[in-house]
């Protein structure tokens, strides 16, 4: 608004009325801290690829490798970031690959293996000239439903994957060792 002298003035002084801000919480405080994995030493020699089965609980963000109704492994997971991305139901392990790489998510790299563009999706992104696609590592992959499986991954404390069941790095090899193609996997809501 222009005053009589022609100078620009603001209608009212709003600077004194600003509310004070509360300090932001650290990200680590916002992440749901999960209990550490538990492995039963008592069941180590009892469980085999022939008598094991897996239960994944989406609501608890836990996976259990079971034998005779007891948990050999009880571990935190990270499942699909949106409802339905990790489908619920009864499945079986259909493939095991210790050195699996994603066919959808990864990086575009140059001829020397340097990442030119990271975190890409082949469904969305196009390769820059002179690059090729390298899939994200999914170590100790156990496929159980189409493209969905269990594998080593980042566990932020909440559902964050594209549908797979992410496992701690030191637990995934133990699960891989105790399941086989045909092992039952039940994913519960």
N, C-alpha and C. Protein backbone atom coordinates (compact mmCIF):
# COMPACT_ATOMS: atom_id res chain seq x y z
N UNK A 1 0.84 -1.16 0.00
CA UNK A 1 0.00 0.00 0.00
C UNK A 1 0.89 1.24 0.00
N UNK A 2 0.53 2.23 -0.76
CA UNK A 2 1.31 3.46 -0.83
C UNK A 2 0.80 4.45 0.21
N UNK A 3 1.72 5.08 0.92
CA UNK A 3 1.34 6.10 1.91
C UNK A 3 1.16 7.43 1.17
N UNK A 4 0.73 8.46 1.91
CA UNK A 4 0.52 9.79 1.33
C UNK A 4 1.82 10.33 0.74
N UNK A 5 2.97 9.92 1.30
CA UNK A 5 4.24 10.41 0.78
C UNK A 5 4.71 9.61 -0.43
N UNK A 6 3.97 8.57 -0.79
CA UNK A 6 4.33 7.77 -1.95
C UNK A 6 5.22 6.59 -1.61
N UNK A 7 5.58 6.40 -0.33
CA UNK A 7 6.43 5.27 0.07
C UNK A 7 5.57 4.03 0.26
N UNK A 8 6.15 2.88 -0.05
CA UNK A 8 5.45 1.62 0.11
C UNK A 8 5.48 1.22 1.58
N UNK A 9 4.33 0.89 2.15
CA UNK A 9 4.29 0.42 3.53
C UNK A 9 3.47 -0.86 3.59
N UNK A 10 3.76 -1.67 4.57
CA UNK A 10 3.00 -2.90 4.76
C UNK A 10 1.87 -2.64 5.72
N UNK A 11 0.75 -3.20 5.44
CA UNK A 11 -0.40 -3.04 6.33
C UNK A 11 -0.17 -3.90 7.56
N UNK A 12 0.25 -3.32 8.64
CA UNK A 12 0.48 -4.05 9.89
C UNK A 12 1.87 -4.65 9.92
N UNK A 13 2.39 -4.85 11.11
CA UNK A 13 3.70 -5.46 11.31
C UNK A 13 3.50 -6.89 11.78
N UNK A 14 3.79 -7.85 10.91
CA UNK A 14 3.55 -9.27 11.21
C UNK A 14 4.75 -9.94 11.85
N UNK A 15 5.91 -9.30 11.84
CA UNK A 15 7.12 -9.97 12.32
C UNK A 15 7.07 -10.27 13.81
N UNK A 16 6.42 -9.47 14.60
CA UNK A 16 6.37 -9.69 16.04
C UNK A 16 5.42 -10.82 16.42
N UNK A 17 4.50 -11.17 15.55
CA UNK A 17 3.48 -12.17 15.88
C UNK A 17 3.85 -13.59 15.45
N UNK A 18 5.06 -13.82 14.94
CA UNK A 18 5.45 -15.16 14.47
C UNK A 18 5.59 -16.13 15.64
N UNK A 19 4.99 -17.30 15.52
CA UNK A 19 5.13 -18.28 16.61
C UNK A 19 6.53 -18.89 16.58
N UNK A 20 7.00 -19.26 17.76
CA UNK A 20 8.31 -19.89 17.82
C UNK A 20 8.19 -21.33 17.32
N UNK A 21 9.24 -21.82 16.66
CA UNK A 21 9.26 -23.19 16.13
C UNK A 21 9.85 -24.13 17.16
N UNK A 22 9.27 -25.33 17.21
CA UNK A 22 9.84 -26.36 18.05
C UNK A 22 11.03 -26.96 17.31
N UNK A 23 12.07 -27.35 18.02
CA UNK A 23 13.20 -27.97 17.33
C UNK A 23 12.77 -29.27 16.66
N UNK A 24 13.29 -29.51 15.47
CA UNK A 24 12.97 -30.73 14.73
C UNK A 24 13.60 -31.93 15.40
N UNK A 25 12.90 -33.08 15.31
CA UNK A 25 13.46 -34.33 15.84
C UNK A 25 14.49 -34.85 14.85
N UNK A 26 15.48 -35.52 15.39
CA UNK A 26 16.47 -36.18 14.55
C UNK A 26 15.81 -37.36 13.86
N UNK A 27 16.28 -37.68 12.66
CA UNK A 27 15.73 -38.80 11.91
C UNK A 27 15.80 -40.07 12.74
N UNK A 28 16.90 -40.26 13.46
CA UNK A 28 17.06 -41.47 14.27
C UNK A 28 15.98 -41.60 15.33
N UNK A 29 15.40 -40.48 15.78
CA UNK A 29 14.33 -40.53 16.76
C UNK A 29 13.00 -40.90 16.11
N UNK A 30 12.86 -40.63 14.83
CA UNK A 30 11.61 -40.90 14.13
C UNK A 30 11.52 -42.35 13.67
N UNK A 31 12.66 -42.98 13.45
CA UNK A 31 12.68 -44.35 12.96
C UNK A 31 12.31 -45.30 14.08
N UNK A 32 11.40 -46.20 13.77
CA UNK A 32 10.99 -47.21 14.74
C UNK A 32 12.15 -48.18 14.97
N UNK A 33 12.67 -48.17 16.18
CA UNK A 33 13.78 -49.08 16.50
C UNK A 33 13.25 -50.50 16.62
N UNK A 34 13.81 -51.40 15.85
CA UNK A 34 13.39 -52.80 15.86
C UNK A 34 14.30 -53.61 16.77
N UNK A 35 13.73 -54.64 17.38
CA UNK A 35 14.53 -55.56 18.17
C UNK A 35 15.54 -56.25 17.27
N UNK A 36 16.69 -56.55 17.81
CA UNK A 36 17.75 -57.22 17.07
C UNK A 36 17.34 -58.65 16.69
N UNK A 37 17.96 -59.22 15.67
CA UNK A 37 17.66 -60.61 15.29
C UNK A 37 18.03 -61.56 16.43
N UNK A 38 17.29 -62.65 16.47
CA UNK A 38 17.57 -63.71 17.44
C UNK A 38 17.72 -65.02 16.67
N UNK A 39 18.76 -65.78 16.98
CA UNK A 39 18.99 -67.09 16.37
C UNK A 39 19.10 -68.11 17.49
N UNK A 40 18.28 -69.15 17.43
CA UNK A 40 18.26 -70.18 18.46
C UNK A 40 19.40 -71.17 18.27
N UNK A 41 20.34 -71.14 19.20
CA UNK A 41 21.46 -72.10 19.15
C UNK A 41 20.93 -73.52 19.34
N UNK A 42 19.88 -73.67 20.13
CA UNK A 42 19.31 -74.99 20.41
C UNK A 42 18.76 -75.66 19.16
N UNK A 43 18.22 -74.85 18.22
CA UNK A 43 17.59 -75.41 17.02
C UNK A 43 18.54 -75.51 15.82
N UNK A 44 19.76 -75.02 15.97
CA UNK A 44 20.70 -74.97 14.85
C UNK A 44 20.91 -76.33 14.18
N UNK A 45 21.04 -77.39 14.97
CA UNK A 45 21.28 -78.72 14.42
C UNK A 45 20.00 -79.49 14.13
N UNK A 46 18.84 -78.91 14.50
CA UNK A 46 17.55 -79.55 14.28
C UNK A 46 16.96 -79.14 12.93
N UNK A 47 17.11 -77.85 12.60
CA UNK A 47 16.49 -77.32 11.38
C UNK A 47 17.31 -77.69 10.14
N UNK A 48 16.60 -78.07 9.08
CA UNK A 48 17.22 -78.41 7.80
C UNK A 48 16.41 -77.76 6.69
N UNK A 49 16.91 -77.87 5.47
CA UNK A 49 16.15 -77.38 4.32
C UNK A 49 14.86 -78.17 4.13
N UNK A 50 14.82 -79.38 4.64
CA UNK A 50 13.65 -80.23 4.45
C UNK A 50 12.54 -80.01 5.48
N UNK A 51 12.86 -79.41 6.64
CA UNK A 51 11.81 -79.24 7.65
C UNK A 51 11.55 -77.77 8.01
N UNK A 52 12.18 -76.83 7.32
CA UNK A 52 12.00 -75.41 7.62
C UNK A 52 10.83 -74.81 6.85
N UNK A 53 10.31 -73.73 7.40
CA UNK A 53 9.34 -72.89 6.69
C UNK A 53 9.51 -71.47 7.19
N UNK A 54 9.01 -70.50 6.42
CA UNK A 54 9.22 -69.09 6.72
C UNK A 54 7.88 -68.40 6.91
N UNK A 55 7.81 -67.57 7.94
CA UNK A 55 6.65 -66.70 8.16
C UNK A 55 7.15 -65.27 8.15
N UNK A 56 6.49 -64.41 7.36
CA UNK A 56 6.81 -62.99 7.30
C UNK A 56 5.59 -62.24 7.81
N UNK A 57 5.79 -61.37 8.80
CA UNK A 57 4.70 -60.55 9.34
C UNK A 57 4.92 -59.10 8.90
N UNK A 58 4.03 -58.62 8.05
CA UNK A 58 4.12 -57.25 7.55
C UNK A 58 3.90 -56.27 8.71
N UNK A 59 2.87 -56.51 9.53
CA UNK A 59 2.55 -55.58 10.62
C UNK A 59 3.65 -55.50 11.67
N UNK A 60 4.33 -56.60 11.93
CA UNK A 60 5.40 -56.61 12.92
C UNK A 60 6.76 -56.26 12.31
N UNK A 61 6.84 -56.27 10.96
CA UNK A 61 8.12 -56.07 10.26
C UNK A 61 9.17 -57.05 10.77
N UNK A 62 8.76 -58.35 10.80
CA UNK A 62 9.62 -59.44 11.26
C UNK A 62 9.46 -60.63 10.33
N UNK A 63 10.51 -61.43 10.26
CA UNK A 63 10.45 -62.72 9.56
C UNK A 63 10.92 -63.78 10.54
N UNK A 64 10.35 -64.96 10.39
CA UNK A 64 10.67 -66.08 11.26
C UNK A 64 10.96 -67.30 10.40
N UNK A 65 12.11 -67.92 10.64
CA UNK A 65 12.41 -69.20 10.00
C UNK A 65 12.09 -70.24 11.06
N UNK A 66 11.13 -71.10 10.72
CA UNK A 66 10.52 -71.99 11.71
C UNK A 66 10.88 -73.45 11.47
N UNK A 67 10.83 -74.22 12.57
CA UNK A 67 10.93 -75.67 12.53
C UNK A 67 10.04 -76.20 13.66
N UNK A 68 9.13 -77.09 13.34
CA UNK A 68 8.24 -77.69 14.33
C UNK A 68 7.57 -76.66 15.24
N UNK A 69 7.12 -75.54 14.67
CA UNK A 69 6.40 -74.53 15.44
C UNK A 69 7.28 -73.62 16.28
N UNK A 70 8.60 -73.74 16.19
CA UNK A 70 9.51 -72.89 16.95
C UNK A 70 10.36 -72.06 16.00
N UNK A 71 10.70 -70.86 16.44
CA UNK A 71 11.50 -69.96 15.61
C UNK A 71 12.98 -70.25 15.77
N UNK A 72 13.62 -70.67 14.68
CA UNK A 72 15.08 -70.79 14.65
C UNK A 72 15.68 -69.39 14.49
N UNK A 73 15.08 -68.59 13.58
CA UNK A 73 15.50 -67.19 13.37
C UNK A 73 14.28 -66.30 13.54
N UNK A 74 14.45 -65.21 14.28
CA UNK A 74 13.44 -64.16 14.44
C UNK A 74 14.18 -62.87 14.12
N UNK A 75 13.85 -62.25 12.99
CA UNK A 75 14.64 -61.12 12.52
C UNK A 75 13.79 -59.94 12.05
N UNK A 76 14.29 -58.72 12.21
CA UNK A 76 13.61 -57.58 11.62
C UNK A 76 13.73 -57.63 10.10
N UNK A 77 12.77 -56.99 9.43
CA UNK A 77 12.75 -56.90 7.97
C UNK A 77 12.36 -55.49 7.56
N UNK A 78 12.38 -55.23 6.28
CA UNK A 78 11.73 -54.07 5.71
C UNK A 78 10.99 -54.57 4.48
N UNK A 79 9.66 -54.43 4.51
CA UNK A 79 8.82 -54.91 3.40
C UNK A 79 8.43 -53.74 2.50
N UNK A 80 7.47 -53.97 1.62
CA UNK A 80 7.04 -52.96 0.66
C UNK A 80 6.55 -51.68 1.31
N UNK A 81 6.96 -50.54 0.71
CA UNK A 81 6.67 -49.24 1.31
C UNK A 81 5.20 -48.83 1.25
N UNK A 82 4.42 -49.48 0.41
CA UNK A 82 2.98 -49.21 0.35
C UNK A 82 2.23 -50.52 0.52
N UNK A 83 1.03 -50.42 1.06
CA UNK A 83 0.20 -51.61 1.27
C UNK A 83 0.05 -52.37 -0.03
N UNK A 84 0.24 -53.67 0.02
CA UNK A 84 0.07 -54.54 -1.13
C UNK A 84 1.33 -54.74 -1.96
N UNK A 85 2.36 -53.94 -1.74
CA UNK A 85 3.60 -54.11 -2.53
C UNK A 85 4.27 -55.44 -2.20
N UNK A 86 4.19 -55.85 -0.93
CA UNK A 86 4.62 -57.19 -0.54
C UNK A 86 3.33 -57.97 -0.37
N UNK A 87 2.97 -58.82 -1.33
CA UNK A 87 1.68 -59.51 -1.28
C UNK A 87 1.61 -60.51 -0.14
N UNK A 88 0.43 -60.59 0.48
CA UNK A 88 0.22 -61.58 1.53
C UNK A 88 -0.30 -62.87 0.90
N UNK A 89 -0.09 -63.97 1.61
CA UNK A 89 -0.56 -65.26 1.13
C UNK A 89 0.46 -66.34 1.38
N UNK A 90 0.17 -67.52 0.83
CA UNK A 90 1.04 -68.68 0.99
C UNK A 90 1.77 -68.94 -0.33
N UNK A 91 3.09 -69.04 -0.23
CA UNK A 91 3.95 -69.20 -1.40
C UNK A 91 4.99 -70.28 -1.12
N UNK A 92 5.85 -70.51 -2.08
CA UNK A 92 7.00 -71.40 -1.92
C UNK A 92 8.21 -70.73 -2.55
N UNK A 93 9.38 -71.00 -2.00
CA UNK A 93 10.61 -70.51 -2.61
C UNK A 93 10.72 -71.14 -3.99
N UNK A 94 10.90 -70.31 -5.02
CA UNK A 94 10.97 -70.81 -6.40
C UNK A 94 12.37 -70.68 -7.00
N UNK A 95 13.24 -69.89 -6.36
CA UNK A 95 14.60 -69.70 -6.87
C UNK A 95 15.49 -69.23 -5.74
N UNK A 96 16.74 -69.67 -5.77
CA UNK A 96 17.77 -69.18 -4.85
C UNK A 96 18.96 -68.72 -5.68
N UNK A 97 19.50 -67.53 -5.37
CA UNK A 97 20.64 -66.99 -6.09
C UNK A 97 21.45 -66.14 -5.12
N UNK A 98 22.61 -66.64 -4.71
CA UNK A 98 23.43 -65.94 -3.72
C UNK A 98 23.96 -64.61 -4.23
N UNK A 99 24.14 -64.46 -5.54
CA UNK A 99 24.71 -63.23 -6.12
C UNK A 99 23.72 -62.52 -7.04
N UNK A 100 22.46 -62.55 -6.71
CA UNK A 100 21.40 -61.99 -7.55
C UNK A 100 21.54 -60.46 -7.68
N UNK A 101 21.12 -59.95 -8.82
CA UNK A 101 21.04 -58.50 -9.06
C UNK A 101 19.66 -58.18 -9.61
N UNK A 102 19.18 -57.01 -9.25
CA UNK A 102 17.85 -56.57 -9.70
C UNK A 102 17.82 -56.39 -11.21
N UNK A 103 16.73 -56.77 -11.82
CA UNK A 103 16.55 -56.55 -13.25
C UNK A 103 15.79 -55.25 -13.52
N UNK A 104 15.42 -54.54 -12.45
CA UNK A 104 14.64 -53.30 -12.60
C UNK A 104 15.35 -52.10 -11.98
N UNK A 105 15.90 -52.25 -10.76
CA UNK A 105 16.48 -51.14 -10.02
C UNK A 105 18.00 -51.26 -9.96
N UNK A 106 18.68 -50.12 -10.17
CA UNK A 106 20.14 -50.15 -10.13
C UNK A 106 20.76 -48.83 -10.53
N UNK A 107 21.86 -48.91 -11.29
CA UNK A 107 22.61 -47.72 -11.70
C UNK A 107 22.97 -47.78 -13.18
N UNK A 108 23.14 -46.61 -13.78
CA UNK A 108 23.74 -46.52 -15.10
C UNK A 108 25.22 -46.19 -14.87
N UNK A 109 26.09 -47.02 -15.44
CA UNK A 109 27.53 -46.85 -15.24
C UNK A 109 28.24 -46.69 -16.58
N UNK A 110 29.44 -46.08 -16.54
CA UNK A 110 30.21 -45.91 -17.76
C UNK A 110 31.07 -47.15 -18.01
N UNK A 111 31.90 -47.10 -19.03
CA UNK A 111 32.71 -48.27 -19.42
C UNK A 111 33.74 -48.66 -18.36
N UNK A 112 34.04 -47.75 -17.44
CA UNK A 112 34.99 -48.05 -16.36
C UNK A 112 34.28 -48.45 -15.07
N UNK A 113 32.95 -48.57 -15.13
CA UNK A 113 32.19 -48.99 -13.96
C UNK A 113 31.83 -47.87 -13.00
N UNK A 114 32.09 -46.64 -13.38
CA UNK A 114 31.75 -45.50 -12.52
C UNK A 114 30.27 -45.18 -12.68
N UNK A 115 29.60 -44.92 -11.55
CA UNK A 115 28.17 -44.60 -11.58
C UNK A 115 27.98 -43.22 -12.18
N UNK A 116 27.22 -43.18 -13.27
CA UNK A 116 26.88 -41.91 -13.92
C UNK A 116 25.54 -41.42 -13.38
N UNK A 117 24.64 -42.35 -13.16
CA UNK A 117 23.31 -42.04 -12.62
C UNK A 117 22.88 -43.20 -11.74
N UNK A 118 22.67 -42.93 -10.46
CA UNK A 118 22.33 -43.98 -9.52
C UNK A 118 20.87 -44.00 -9.15
N UNK A 119 20.44 -45.12 -8.56
CA UNK A 119 19.07 -45.24 -8.07
C UNK A 119 18.03 -45.16 -9.17
N UNK A 120 18.30 -45.79 -10.31
CA UNK A 120 17.39 -45.70 -11.45
C UNK A 120 16.43 -46.88 -11.49
N UNK A 121 15.35 -46.69 -12.20
CA UNK A 121 14.39 -47.75 -12.48
C UNK A 121 14.30 -47.89 -13.99
N UNK A 122 14.49 -49.10 -14.49
CA UNK A 122 14.40 -49.31 -15.94
C UNK A 122 12.98 -49.09 -16.46
N UNK A 123 12.00 -49.08 -15.54
CA UNK A 123 10.62 -48.81 -15.94
C UNK A 123 10.40 -47.33 -16.23
N UNK A 124 11.29 -46.47 -15.70
CA UNK A 124 11.10 -45.02 -15.79
C UNK A 124 12.24 -44.31 -16.50
N UNK A 125 13.47 -44.72 -16.18
CA UNK A 125 14.65 -43.97 -16.62
C UNK A 125 15.28 -44.53 -17.90
N UNK A 126 15.88 -43.63 -18.68
CA UNK A 126 16.62 -44.01 -19.88
C UNK A 126 18.11 -43.85 -19.63
N UNK A 127 18.88 -44.74 -20.22
CA UNK A 127 20.34 -44.71 -20.02
C UNK A 127 20.96 -43.53 -20.74
N UNK A 128 21.79 -42.74 -20.05
CA UNK A 128 22.53 -41.68 -20.73
C UNK A 128 23.50 -42.30 -21.75
N UNK A 129 23.84 -41.56 -22.77
CA UNK A 129 24.75 -42.05 -23.82
C UNK A 129 26.05 -42.54 -23.20
N UNK A 130 26.52 -43.67 -23.68
CA UNK A 130 27.79 -44.23 -23.22
C UNK A 130 27.73 -44.99 -21.90
N UNK A 131 26.52 -45.26 -21.43
CA UNK A 131 26.39 -45.99 -20.17
C UNK A 131 25.64 -47.30 -20.39
N UNK A 132 25.73 -48.15 -19.39
CA UNK A 132 24.93 -49.38 -19.40
C UNK A 132 24.38 -49.60 -17.99
N UNK A 133 23.38 -50.44 -17.90
CA UNK A 133 22.68 -50.70 -16.65
C UNK A 133 23.38 -51.79 -15.84
N UNK A 134 23.51 -51.58 -14.52
CA UNK A 134 23.98 -52.59 -13.59
C UNK A 134 22.95 -52.67 -12.47
N UNK A 135 22.35 -53.84 -12.31
CA UNK A 135 21.32 -54.02 -11.30
C UNK A 135 21.84 -53.93 -9.89
N UNK A 136 20.98 -53.45 -8.99
CA UNK A 136 21.34 -53.36 -7.57
C UNK A 136 21.56 -54.76 -7.01
N UNK A 137 22.58 -54.92 -6.16
CA UNK A 137 22.82 -56.24 -5.58
C UNK A 137 21.71 -56.64 -4.62
N UNK A 138 21.34 -57.91 -4.69
CA UNK A 138 20.29 -58.48 -3.83
C UNK A 138 20.82 -59.83 -3.32
N UNK A 139 21.88 -59.76 -2.52
CA UNK A 139 22.60 -60.96 -2.09
C UNK A 139 21.70 -61.92 -1.32
N UNK A 140 21.96 -63.21 -1.52
CA UNK A 140 21.23 -64.30 -0.86
C UNK A 140 19.73 -64.23 -1.14
N UNK A 141 19.41 -63.99 -2.41
CA UNK A 141 18.03 -63.82 -2.87
C UNK A 141 17.30 -65.16 -2.85
N UNK A 142 16.12 -65.16 -2.24
CA UNK A 142 15.22 -66.32 -2.24
C UNK A 142 13.87 -65.84 -2.77
N UNK A 143 13.63 -66.09 -4.06
CA UNK A 143 12.39 -65.66 -4.72
C UNK A 143 11.24 -66.53 -4.23
N UNK A 144 10.08 -65.89 -3.96
CA UNK A 144 8.92 -66.68 -3.54
C UNK A 144 7.60 -66.28 -4.19
N UNK A 145 7.56 -65.16 -4.92
CA UNK A 145 6.31 -64.76 -5.58
C UNK A 145 6.63 -63.81 -6.73
N UNK A 146 6.72 -64.35 -7.95
CA UNK A 146 7.05 -63.50 -9.10
C UNK A 146 8.40 -62.85 -8.91
N UNK A 147 8.42 -61.51 -8.92
CA UNK A 147 9.68 -60.77 -8.75
C UNK A 147 10.03 -60.58 -7.27
N UNK A 148 9.16 -60.98 -6.37
CA UNK A 148 9.32 -60.74 -4.94
C UNK A 148 10.14 -61.84 -4.28
N UNK A 149 11.06 -61.43 -3.42
CA UNK A 149 11.86 -62.40 -2.67
C UNK A 149 12.43 -61.78 -1.41
N UNK A 150 13.22 -62.58 -0.71
CA UNK A 150 13.95 -62.13 0.48
C UNK A 150 15.41 -61.96 0.09
N UNK A 151 16.07 -60.91 0.59
CA UNK A 151 17.48 -60.69 0.28
C UNK A 151 18.08 -59.66 1.23
N UNK A 152 19.41 -59.54 1.21
CA UNK A 152 20.10 -58.53 2.00
C UNK A 152 19.62 -57.15 1.55
N UNK A 153 19.37 -56.27 2.51
CA UNK A 153 18.95 -54.93 2.16
C UNK A 153 19.01 -54.00 3.35
N UNK A 154 18.73 -52.75 3.09
CA UNK A 154 18.74 -51.72 4.13
C UNK A 154 17.46 -51.84 4.95
N UNK A 155 17.60 -51.83 6.27
CA UNK A 155 16.47 -51.90 7.19
C UNK A 155 16.36 -50.59 7.96
N UNK A 156 15.56 -49.64 7.47
CA UNK A 156 15.46 -48.36 8.16
C UNK A 156 14.56 -48.39 9.39
N UNK A 157 13.84 -49.50 9.60
CA UNK A 157 12.94 -49.58 10.75
C UNK A 157 11.48 -49.42 10.38
N UNK A 158 11.20 -49.38 9.09
CA UNK A 158 9.83 -49.24 8.59
C UNK A 158 9.78 -49.84 7.18
N UNK A 159 8.57 -50.09 6.65
CA UNK A 159 8.46 -50.62 5.28
C UNK A 159 9.03 -49.63 4.27
N UNK A 160 9.99 -50.08 3.45
CA UNK A 160 10.67 -49.15 2.54
C UNK A 160 11.06 -49.77 1.20
N UNK A 161 10.78 -51.06 0.99
CA UNK A 161 11.24 -51.71 -0.24
C UNK A 161 10.24 -51.51 -1.38
N UNK A 162 10.60 -52.03 -2.55
CA UNK A 162 9.70 -52.01 -3.70
C UNK A 162 8.82 -53.26 -3.70
N UNK A 163 8.87 -54.04 -2.64
CA UNK A 163 8.03 -55.24 -2.52
C UNK A 163 8.76 -56.41 -1.91
N UNK A 164 10.08 -56.46 -2.08
CA UNK A 164 10.85 -57.56 -1.51
C UNK A 164 10.92 -57.45 0.01
N UNK A 165 11.36 -58.53 0.63
CA UNK A 165 11.56 -58.57 2.07
C UNK A 165 13.06 -58.41 2.31
N UNK A 166 13.45 -57.23 2.78
CA UNK A 166 14.85 -56.96 3.06
C UNK A 166 15.25 -57.58 4.39
N UNK A 167 16.46 -58.14 4.41
CA UNK A 167 16.97 -58.83 5.59
C UNK A 167 18.31 -58.23 6.02
N UNK A 168 18.66 -58.39 7.32
CA UNK A 168 19.99 -57.95 7.76
C UNK A 168 21.09 -58.74 7.06
N UNK A 169 22.22 -58.08 6.84
CA UNK A 169 23.32 -58.68 6.09
C UNK A 169 23.84 -59.97 6.71
N UNK A 170 23.87 -60.06 8.02
CA UNK A 170 24.41 -61.26 8.68
C UNK A 170 23.36 -62.35 8.86
N UNK A 171 22.09 -62.04 8.64
CA UNK A 171 21.01 -63.03 8.80
C UNK A 171 20.64 -63.68 7.47
N UNK A 172 20.69 -62.93 6.37
CA UNK A 172 20.29 -63.46 5.06
C UNK A 172 21.03 -64.75 4.69
N UNK A 173 22.36 -64.87 4.93
CA UNK A 173 23.03 -66.13 4.59
C UNK A 173 22.53 -67.32 5.41
N UNK A 174 22.15 -67.06 6.67
CA UNK A 174 21.62 -68.13 7.52
C UNK A 174 20.28 -68.63 6.98
N UNK A 175 19.43 -67.70 6.55
CA UNK A 175 18.14 -68.09 5.97
C UNK A 175 18.37 -68.83 4.66
N UNK A 176 19.24 -68.29 3.83
CA UNK A 176 19.56 -68.90 2.53
C UNK A 176 20.01 -70.35 2.71
N UNK A 177 20.78 -70.60 3.76
CA UNK A 177 21.31 -71.94 4.03
C UNK A 177 20.21 -72.91 4.47
N UNK A 178 19.16 -72.40 5.14
CA UNK A 178 18.15 -73.27 5.74
C UNK A 178 16.87 -73.41 4.93
N UNK A 179 16.81 -72.78 3.74
CA UNK A 179 15.65 -72.96 2.86
C UNK A 179 16.11 -73.55 1.54
N UNK A 180 15.17 -74.11 0.80
CA UNK A 180 15.45 -74.67 -0.51
C UNK A 180 14.31 -74.30 -1.45
N UNK A 181 14.48 -74.56 -2.73
CA UNK A 181 13.38 -74.39 -3.67
C UNK A 181 12.27 -75.32 -3.20
N UNK A 182 11.11 -74.77 -2.95
CA UNK A 182 9.98 -75.55 -2.44
C UNK A 182 9.65 -75.26 -0.99
N UNK A 183 10.54 -74.57 -0.25
CA UNK A 183 10.26 -74.22 1.15
C UNK A 183 9.04 -73.31 1.22
N UNK A 184 8.06 -73.63 2.10
CA UNK A 184 6.89 -72.77 2.25
C UNK A 184 7.24 -71.41 2.83
N UNK A 185 6.61 -70.36 2.30
CA UNK A 185 6.74 -68.99 2.80
C UNK A 185 5.32 -68.45 2.95
N UNK A 186 4.97 -68.04 4.16
CA UNK A 186 3.66 -67.42 4.39
C UNK A 186 3.87 -65.97 4.77
N UNK A 187 3.27 -65.07 3.99
CA UNK A 187 3.35 -63.64 4.28
C UNK A 187 2.01 -63.23 4.88
N UNK A 188 2.08 -62.79 6.13
CA UNK A 188 0.88 -62.38 6.87
C UNK A 188 0.76 -60.87 6.91
N UNK A 189 -0.49 -60.38 6.96
CA UNK A 189 -0.68 -58.91 7.03
C UNK A 189 -0.01 -58.30 8.26
